[in-house]
């Protein structure tokens, strides 16, 4: 089967086409996975501005869909169906005109998107896909609605079912896109579960107990700032670029322990608490206080920025690893999964693998390839496949958005 997936939970516009192939041992083949980033737009704000993000999704979705369809390696016969057709031929079709009126109703809140999509439908035939998967939450509500309404319009026009996807669950199932789990027998339920999963992104920091596919329990989560949010805010204090995670990681790699002079020491909030919760607001405040007490010359020095960046990164990594290891040992779980944008951090990946090998060597660790850690539609497609197999498919009028959707909700 082929799945077209749509991701607009935050500031990345993503569309992917994924093929699930095989019966006894199905595997996934990504035909296309296009992501349009909005980093340059939100850079001057130091974070995501929801209204701007919504507008960019409206502008980007149709071009990204066109690119995704062109990038997908369809057969020659199918490629013919995607060729541009003459406008007058389609305009004469009464059914097309009727659909146009309904389409305008579906996208009445997104007039810009409606105009672009109408042009698209006049020029392109329906591709050979079986369903549409779309993120319904959690995320920024204005952004989610653009993606969901877009999916509803496509599903209506092409007469396809829609599969709702939880963004956090998709981050977990992104491991199926990597080489680490290439040999898993999907149909035989030989999944790497039960497992402990650490989800770390700009909006979420959670420890999740995965009992089986679709059966989750949140063990702990952040009480204030998420780890990615802490990276962004501390990077802003230091005058570094947005997003903060990659900017701090870049500066941290330039730091050498032999160069240490300032002796910066930041707190590791809640690292010794008996629960599995996180808190990074205090870490951000500690960085701000240290920054304010320094002389102007010191604040702007490469030495200070690099040493501070290294300490911020290590403080966050220490807390994340400590809590994850504690959960794995307490529940005697032999599988650890990582997911989310912050997991793209090379030092986090290196250190957690090292700790697992040292302390619980018989435990397996699954981490998606870096390109599938950040928000993308390929992971939405994988999640869509599993949901489709469970019968979680709906008609276009029945799909809605839940910006605060929990992974424990059905």
Protein backbone atom coordinates (compact mmCIF):
# COMPACT_ATOMS: atom_id res chain seq x y z
CA UNK A 1 0.00 0.00 0.00
CA UNK A 2 1.02 3.62 -0.51
CA UNK A 3 0.49 6.36 2.02
CA UNK A 4 0.63 10.11 1.47
CA UNK A 5 1.49 11.81 4.77
CA UNK A 6 1.17 15.44 5.88
CA UNK A 7 2.98 17.08 8.81
CA UNK A 8 2.31 20.68 9.94
CA UNK A 9 2.42 20.47 13.75
CA UNK A 10 4.88 23.34 14.15
CA UNK A 11 7.08 25.24 11.69
CA UNK A 12 8.09 22.52 9.21
CA UNK A 13 5.85 21.76 6.24
CA UNK A 14 6.33 18.09 5.43
CA UNK A 15 4.82 15.74 2.86
CA UNK A 16 5.98 12.18 2.22
CA UNK A 17 4.90 9.24 0.11
CA UNK A 18 5.73 5.89 1.64
CA UNK A 19 5.25 2.38 0.34
CA UNK A 20 4.68 -0.60 2.64
CA UNK A 21 5.75 -3.64 0.68
CA UNK A 22 5.56 -7.37 1.36
CA UNK A 23 3.16 -9.60 3.27
CA UNK A 24 5.06 -11.94 5.61
CA UNK A 25 7.76 -9.35 6.27
CA UNK A 26 6.60 -5.92 5.07
CA UNK A 27 9.13 -3.15 4.97
CA UNK A 28 8.96 0.56 4.29
CA UNK A 29 10.29 2.32 1.22
CA UNK A 30 10.27 6.09 1.18
CA UNK A 31 9.33 7.24 -2.30
CA UNK A 32 9.67 10.90 -1.32
CA UNK A 33 10.05 12.93 1.85
CA UNK A 34 9.99 16.70 1.37
CA UNK A 35 10.40 19.17 4.24
CA UNK A 36 10.10 22.93 3.82
CA UNK A 37 11.76 24.66 6.77
CA UNK A 38 10.72 28.03 8.19
CA UNK A 39 13.89 28.63 10.23
CA UNK A 40 14.86 31.79 8.33
CA UNK A 41 11.43 33.31 8.94
CA UNK A 42 11.32 32.65 12.69
CA UNK A 43 14.99 33.39 13.27
CA UNK A 44 14.49 37.06 14.11
CA UNK A 45 11.84 36.15 16.70
CA UNK A 46 14.06 33.58 18.42
CA UNK A 47 11.22 31.06 18.30
CA UNK A 48 8.16 29.97 16.36
CA UNK A 49 5.54 32.66 15.75
CA UNK A 50 2.26 30.68 15.25
CA UNK A 51 0.54 33.17 12.93
CA UNK A 52 3.55 33.33 10.62
CA UNK A 53 3.93 29.54 10.73
CA UNK A 54 0.29 29.09 9.71
CA UNK A 55 0.70 31.49 6.80
CA UNK A 56 3.81 29.69 5.57
CA UNK A 57 2.07 26.31 5.71
CA UNK A 58 -0.73 27.74 3.56
CA UNK A 59 1.84 28.97 1.08
CA UNK A 60 4.05 25.86 1.07
CA UNK A 61 1.72 22.85 1.15
CA UNK A 62 0.78 22.73 -2.55
CA UNK A 63 4.35 23.28 -3.86
CA UNK A 64 5.65 20.68 -1.39
CA UNK A 65 2.97 18.22 -2.52
CA UNK A 66 3.93 18.80 -6.16
CA UNK A 67 7.59 18.17 -5.35
CA UNK A 68 6.73 15.04 -3.35
CA UNK A 69 4.73 13.59 -6.25
CA UNK A 70 7.49 14.37 -8.74
CA UNK A 71 10.19 12.95 -6.45
CA UNK A 72 8.27 9.68 -5.90
CA UNK A 73 9.49 7.03 -8.32
CA UNK A 74 6.16 5.91 -9.73
CA UNK A 75 6.00 3.49 -12.65
CA UNK A 76 5.92 4.94 -16.19
CA UNK A 77 2.21 4.23 -16.46
CA UNK A 78 1.47 6.01 -13.18
CA UNK A 79 3.73 8.89 -14.13
CA UNK A 80 1.51 9.48 -17.14
CA UNK A 81 -1.44 10.03 -14.80
CA UNK A 82 0.48 12.77 -13.02
CA UNK A 83 1.14 14.69 -16.21
CA UNK A 84 -0.38 18.10 -16.57
CA UNK A 85 -3.76 18.04 -18.33
CA UNK A 86 -5.29 20.82 -20.35
CA UNK A 87 -7.35 23.21 -18.25
CA UNK A 88 -10.37 23.44 -20.64
CA UNK A 89 -10.85 19.66 -20.57
CA UNK A 90 -11.19 19.56 -16.80
CA UNK A 91 -13.18 22.77 -16.58
CA UNK A 92 -15.99 21.26 -18.63
CA UNK A 93 -16.52 18.44 -16.15
CA UNK A 94 -19.57 19.12 -14.01
CA UNK A 95 -18.32 16.84 -11.27
CA UNK A 96 -15.16 18.89 -11.04
CA UNK A 97 -17.18 22.08 -10.65
CA UNK A 98 -19.32 20.54 -7.92
CA UNK A 99 -16.23 19.38 -6.09
CA UNK A 100 -14.77 22.87 -6.40
CA UNK A 101 -17.67 24.38 -4.44
CA UNK A 102 -17.31 21.79 -1.65
CA UNK A 103 -13.56 22.31 -1.61
CA UNK A 104 -14.03 26.03 -1.01
CA UNK A 105 -16.22 25.21 2.01
CA UNK A 106 -13.62 22.83 3.46
CA UNK A 107 -10.90 25.47 3.09
CA UNK A 108 -12.98 28.53 3.94
CA UNK A 109 -10.55 29.38 6.77
CA UNK A 110 -7.58 28.97 4.43
CA UNK A 111 -8.45 31.01 1.31
CA UNK A 112 -4.81 31.23 0.17
CA UNK A 113 -4.47 27.47 0.34
CA UNK A 114 -7.82 27.01 -1.41
CA UNK A 115 -6.73 29.02 -4.46
CA UNK A 116 -3.45 27.14 -4.78
CA UNK A 117 -5.11 23.75 -4.38
CA UNK A 118 -7.77 24.50 -7.00
CA UNK A 119 -5.04 25.25 -9.52
CA UNK A 120 -3.32 21.99 -8.53
CA UNK A 121 -6.47 19.91 -9.08
CA UNK A 122 -7.00 21.52 -12.50
CA UNK A 123 -3.52 20.46 -13.55
CA UNK A 124 -2.91 17.06 -11.94
CA UNK A 125 -4.67 13.69 -11.91
CA UNK A 126 -5.09 11.57 -8.78
CA UNK A 127 -1.92 9.64 -7.88
CA UNK A 128 -2.05 5.95 -7.03
CA UNK A 129 -2.16 6.08 -3.22
CA UNK A 130 -4.37 4.21 -0.74
CA UNK A 131 -4.84 6.69 2.10
CA UNK A 132 -3.78 10.03 3.57
CA UNK A 133 -2.12 10.21 6.99
CA UNK A 134 -2.06 13.54 8.81
CA UNK A 135 -0.87 14.88 12.16
CA UNK A 136 -3.83 15.89 14.35
CA UNK A 137 -1.82 16.75 17.49
CA UNK A 138 -0.08 17.67 19.67
CA UNK A 139 1.25 20.93 18.26
CA UNK A 140 0.34 24.51 17.46
CA UNK A 141 -3.40 24.56 16.78
CA UNK A 142 -3.35 27.08 13.86
CA UNK A 143 -0.66 25.02 12.13
CA UNK A 144 -2.38 21.69 12.76
CA UNK A 145 -5.63 22.96 11.24
CA UNK A 146 -3.91 23.96 8.00
CA UNK A 147 -2.54 20.44 7.57
CA UNK A 148 -5.78 18.72 8.58
CA UNK A 149 -7.92 20.88 6.27
CA UNK A 150 -5.47 20.22 3.45
CA UNK A 151 -5.78 16.47 4.10
CA UNK A 152 -9.57 16.76 4.21
CA UNK A 153 -9.60 18.54 0.86
CA UNK A 154 -7.36 15.93 -0.78
CA UNK A 155 -9.37 13.06 0.74
CA UNK A 156 -12.64 14.56 -0.48
CA UNK A 157 -11.38 15.30 -3.99
CA UNK A 158 -9.64 11.94 -4.43
CA UNK A 159 -12.16 9.88 -2.46
CA UNK A 160 -9.60 8.48 -0.01
CA UNK A 161 -9.72 7.63 3.72
CA UNK A 162 -7.79 9.74 6.24
CA UNK A 163 -5.68 8.22 9.01
CA UNK A 164 -5.17 10.48 12.07
CA UNK A 165 -1.67 10.41 13.59
CA UNK A 166 -0.32 11.40 17.00
CA UNK A 167 2.89 13.39 16.47
CA UNK A 168 4.62 11.94 19.55
CA UNK A 169 3.82 8.34 18.60
CA UNK A 170 5.21 9.08 15.14
CA UNK A 171 8.53 10.13 16.72
CA UNK A 172 8.65 6.73 18.45
CA UNK A 173 7.88 4.77 15.29
CA UNK A 174 10.51 6.71 13.32
CA UNK A 175 12.90 3.92 14.35
CA UNK A 176 11.32 1.78 11.62
CA UNK A 177 12.88 4.13 9.07
CA UNK A 178 16.40 3.31 10.21
CA UNK A 179 18.82 0.46 9.60
CA UNK A 180 18.85 -0.44 13.30
CA UNK A 181 15.54 -2.34 13.03
CA UNK A 182 15.72 -3.38 9.41
CA UNK A 183 15.09 -7.08 10.13
CA UNK A 184 12.01 -6.73 12.35
CA UNK A 185 9.13 -9.05 11.47
CA UNK A 186 6.26 -6.61 11.58
CA UNK A 187 3.43 -9.09 11.02
CA UNK A 188 4.76 -11.49 13.64
CA UNK A 189 4.63 -8.77 16.29
CA UNK A 190 8.36 -9.04 16.77
CA UNK A 191 8.59 -5.36 17.72
CA UNK A 192 11.30 -4.00 20.05
CA UNK A 193 8.71 -3.71 22.83
CA UNK A 194 8.30 -3.42 25.77
CA UNK A 195 10.62 -0.44 25.80
CA UNK A 196 11.45 2.85 27.48
CA UNK A 197 11.29 5.78 25.09
CA UNK A 198 12.81 9.22 25.61
CA UNK A 199 11.12 11.88 23.50
CA UNK A 200 13.05 15.16 23.41
CA UNK A 201 12.03 18.11 21.25
CA UNK A 202 11.33 21.83 21.33
CA UNK A 203 7.90 21.31 22.84
CA UNK A 204 8.15 17.95 24.64
CA UNK A 205 10.41 16.07 27.00
CA UNK A 206 8.83 12.79 28.05
CA UNK A 207 9.75 9.33 29.30
CA UNK A 208 7.26 6.80 27.96
CA UNK A 209 6.80 3.14 28.85
CA UNK A 210 5.85 1.29 25.67
CA UNK A 211 4.08 -1.92 26.62
CA UNK A 212 3.26 -2.75 23.00
CA UNK A 213 2.41 -0.97 19.81
CA UNK A 214 -0.35 1.50 20.69
CA UNK A 215 -0.13 0.85 24.45
CA UNK A 216 1.74 3.65 26.20
CA UNK A 217 2.17 5.04 29.69
CA UNK A 218 3.78 8.42 30.36
CA UNK A 219 6.23 7.88 33.24
CA UNK A 220 7.44 11.45 33.42
CA UNK A 221 7.53 14.73 31.53
CA UNK A 222 8.80 18.26 31.90
CA UNK A 223 7.11 20.43 34.49
CA UNK A 224 8.04 23.63 32.67
CA UNK A 225 10.40 24.12 29.72
CA UNK A 226 11.16 21.27 27.34
CA UNK A 227 14.83 20.48 26.65
CA UNK A 228 14.65 21.93 23.14
CA UNK A 229 13.00 25.07 24.49
CA UNK A 230 15.83 25.41 27.02
CA UNK A 231 18.37 25.18 24.20
CA UNK A 232 16.54 27.93 22.29
CA UNK A 233 16.24 30.28 25.27
CA UNK A 234 19.82 29.88 26.48
CA UNK A 235 21.13 30.32 22.93
CA UNK A 236 19.21 33.59 22.74
CA UNK A 237 20.83 34.75 25.99
CA UNK A 238 24.27 34.05 24.51
CA UNK A 239 23.40 35.80 21.26
CA UNK A 240 23.48 32.61 19.19
CA UNK A 241 21.29 31.73 16.22
CA UNK A 242 17.91 30.02 16.22
CA UNK A 243 17.29 27.12 16.54
CA UNK A 244 19.33 27.00 19.71
CA UNK A 245 20.12 23.28 19.84
CA UNK A 246 22.33 23.11 16.73
CA UNK A 247 23.86 26.54 17.56
CA UNK A 248 24.87 25.46 21.06
CA UNK A 249 26.10 22.09 19.79
CA UNK A 250 28.31 23.85 17.24
CA UNK A 251 29.89 26.09 19.88
CA UNK A 252 30.27 23.19 22.31
CA UNK A 253 32.29 21.19 19.78
CA UNK A 254 34.83 24.05 19.66
CA UNK A 255 35.33 23.96 23.43
CA UNK A 256 38.38 22.18 24.84
CA UNK A 257 38.66 21.12 28.49
CA UNK A 258 42.30 22.22 28.47
CA UNK A 259 41.11 25.77 27.78
CA UNK A 260 38.89 25.97 30.87
CA UNK A 261 39.40 29.18 32.83
CA UNK A 262 35.99 30.46 33.80
CA UNK A 263 34.95 27.35 35.77
CA UNK A 264 31.30 27.59 34.77
CA UNK A 265 29.12 25.12 36.66
CA UNK A 266 25.40 24.91 36.02
CA UNK A 267 22.75 22.98 37.99
CA UNK A 268 21.26 19.67 36.82
CA UNK A 269 17.60 20.24 37.80
CA UNK A 270 15.78 17.22 39.31
CA UNK A 271 18.61 14.86 38.37
CA UNK A 272 18.36 13.06 41.73
CA UNK A 273 14.58 13.21 42.17
CA UNK A 274 12.91 9.83 42.70
CA UNK A 275 10.42 10.38 39.88
CA UNK A 276 10.90 10.55 36.10
CA UNK A 277 9.92 14.20 35.62
CA UNK A 278 12.11 16.92 34.14
CA UNK A 279 12.55 20.66 34.68
CA UNK A 280 14.74 22.95 32.60
CA UNK A 281 13.43 26.37 33.54
CA UNK A 282 15.92 26.63 36.42
CA UNK A 283 18.79 25.82 34.11
CA UNK A 284 17.79 28.66 31.79
CA UNK A 285 17.61 31.04 34.78
CA UNK A 286 21.06 29.95 35.98
CA UNK A 287 22.52 30.74 32.56
CA UNK A 288 20.87 34.17 32.60
CA UNK A 289 22.23 35.02 36.08
CA UNK A 290 25.74 33.90 35.15
CA UNK A 291 25.58 35.91 31.92
CA UNK A 292 24.44 39.08 33.72
CA UNK A 293 27.21 39.00 36.31
CA UNK A 294 29.99 38.76 33.71
CA UNK A 295 31.83 41.76 32.33
CA UNK A 296 30.85 42.92 28.86
CA UNK A 297 34.19 41.84 27.42
CA UNK A 298 33.80 38.34 28.88
CA UNK A 299 30.22 37.94 27.63
CA UNK A 300 31.28 38.51 24.05
CA UNK A 301 34.41 36.37 24.19
CA UNK A 302 34.60 33.11 22.25
CA UNK A 303 35.98 31.43 25.34
CA UNK A 304 32.93 32.26 27.46
CA UNK A 305 30.38 31.35 24.79
CA UNK A 306 32.05 28.03 24.02
CA UNK A 307 32.50 27.04 27.65
CA UNK A 308 28.94 28.04 28.52
CA UNK A 309 27.55 26.21 25.48
CA UNK A 310 29.41 23.05 26.46
CA UNK A 311 28.13 23.26 30.03
CA UNK A 312 24.51 23.89 28.93
CA UNK A 313 24.63 20.93 26.57
CA UNK A 314 26.21 18.64 29.17
CA UNK A 315 23.75 19.68 31.90
CA UNK A 316 20.80 18.77 29.67
CA UNK A 317 22.43 15.52 28.53
CA UNK A 318 23.23 14.48 32.12
CA UNK A 319 19.60 14.87 33.20
CA UNK A 320 18.17 13.13 30.14
CA UNK A 321 20.49 10.13 30.43
CA UNK A 322 20.15 9.80 34.21
CA UNK A 323 16.34 9.70 34.06
CA UNK A 324 16.28 7.33 31.08
CA UNK A 325 18.71 4.90 32.69
CA UNK A 326 16.75 5.01 35.95
CA UNK A 327 13.50 4.15 34.16
CA UNK A 328 15.09 1.30 32.20
CA UNK A 329 16.56 -0.21 35.39
CA UNK A 330 13.45 0.32 37.54
CA UNK A 331 11.19 -1.38 35.00
CA UNK A 332 13.84 -3.91 33.94
CA UNK A 333 13.36 -3.03 30.30
CA UNK A 334 15.93 -4.24 27.80
CA UNK A 335 15.09 -1.80 25.01
CA UNK A 336 15.60 1.98 24.94
CA UNK A 337 14.26 4.16 22.12
CA UNK A 338 15.09 7.80 21.46
CA UNK A 339 13.02 10.22 19.38
CA UNK A 340 12.48 13.92 18.72
CA UNK A 341 14.49 16.78 17.29
CA UNK A 342 16.96 17.09 20.18
CA UNK A 343 17.99 13.46 19.59
CA UNK A 344 19.82 14.72 16.50
CA UNK A 345 22.44 16.02 18.98
CA UNK A 346 25.55 13.91 18.33
CA UNK A 347 26.88 14.18 21.87
CA UNK A 348 23.61 12.95 23.37
CA UNK A 349 23.59 9.97 21.02
CA UNK A 350 27.23 9.14 21.76
CA UNK A 351 26.96 9.43 25.53
CA UNK A 352 23.73 7.46 25.99
CA UNK A 353 25.04 4.57 23.89
CA UNK A 354 28.26 4.59 25.93
CA UNK A 355 26.33 4.56 29.25
CA UNK A 356 24.07 1.74 28.12
CA UNK A 357 27.04 -0.41 27.08
CA UNK A 358 28.72 0.24 30.41
CA UNK A 359 25.80 -0.12 32.85
CA UNK A 360 23.23 -2.34 31.11
CA UNK A 361 25.12 -3.99 28.23
CA UNK A 362 22.35 -6.46 27.33
CA UNK A 363 19.98 -3.55 26.55
CA UNK A 364 19.33 -2.58 22.94
CA UNK A 365 19.16 1.06 21.91
CA UNK A 366 17.24 2.21 18.85
CA UNK A 367 17.80 5.75 17.53
CA UNK A 368 16.36 7.00 14.21
CA UNK A 369 18.76 8.41 11.61
CA UNK A 370 19.32 12.11 12.25
CA UNK A 371 17.14 13.25 9.32
CA UNK A 372 14.15 11.43 10.82
CA UNK A 373 14.59 12.86 14.34
CA UNK A 374 13.37 16.34 13.43
CA UNK A 375 9.77 16.81 12.26
CA UNK A 376 9.11 15.09 8.94
CA UNK A 377 6.22 13.41 7.13
CA UNK A 378 7.93 10.03 6.64
CA UNK A 379 7.46 9.21 10.33
CA UNK A 380 3.81 10.30 10.03
CA UNK A 381 3.42 7.85 7.14
CA UNK A 382 4.88 4.97 9.17
CA UNK A 383 2.53 5.73 12.05
CA UNK A 384 -0.28 6.02 9.51
CA UNK A 385 0.49 2.52 8.25
CA UNK A 386 0.15 0.96 11.71
CA UNK A 387 -3.02 2.95 12.45
CA UNK A 388 -4.50 1.92 9.11
CA UNK A 389 -3.81 -1.75 9.90
CA UNK A 390 -5.68 -1.28 13.20
CA UNK A 391 -8.67 0.13 11.33
CA UNK A 392 -8.16 3.72 12.47
CA UNK A 393 -9.25 5.35 9.25
CA UNK A 394 -11.95 7.98 8.86
CA UNK A 395 -13.83 9.89 6.21
CA UNK A 396 -12.83 13.51 5.63
CA UNK A 397 -15.64 15.21 7.65
CA UNK A 398 -14.75 13.25 10.81
CA UNK A 399 -11.17 14.49 11.23
CA UNK A 400 -10.42 17.21 13.78
CA UNK A 401 -7.48 18.67 15.69
CA UNK A 402 -6.36 18.26 19.31
CA UNK A 403 -3.42 20.56 20.05
CA UNK A 404 -2.93 18.98 23.50
CA UNK A 405 -3.30 15.38 22.40
CA UNK A 406 -1.65 12.89 24.74
CA UNK A 407 -0.02 9.70 23.53
CA UNK A 408 -2.21 7.77 25.99
CA UNK A 409 -5.37 9.02 24.24
CA UNK A 410 -6.94 6.95 21.50
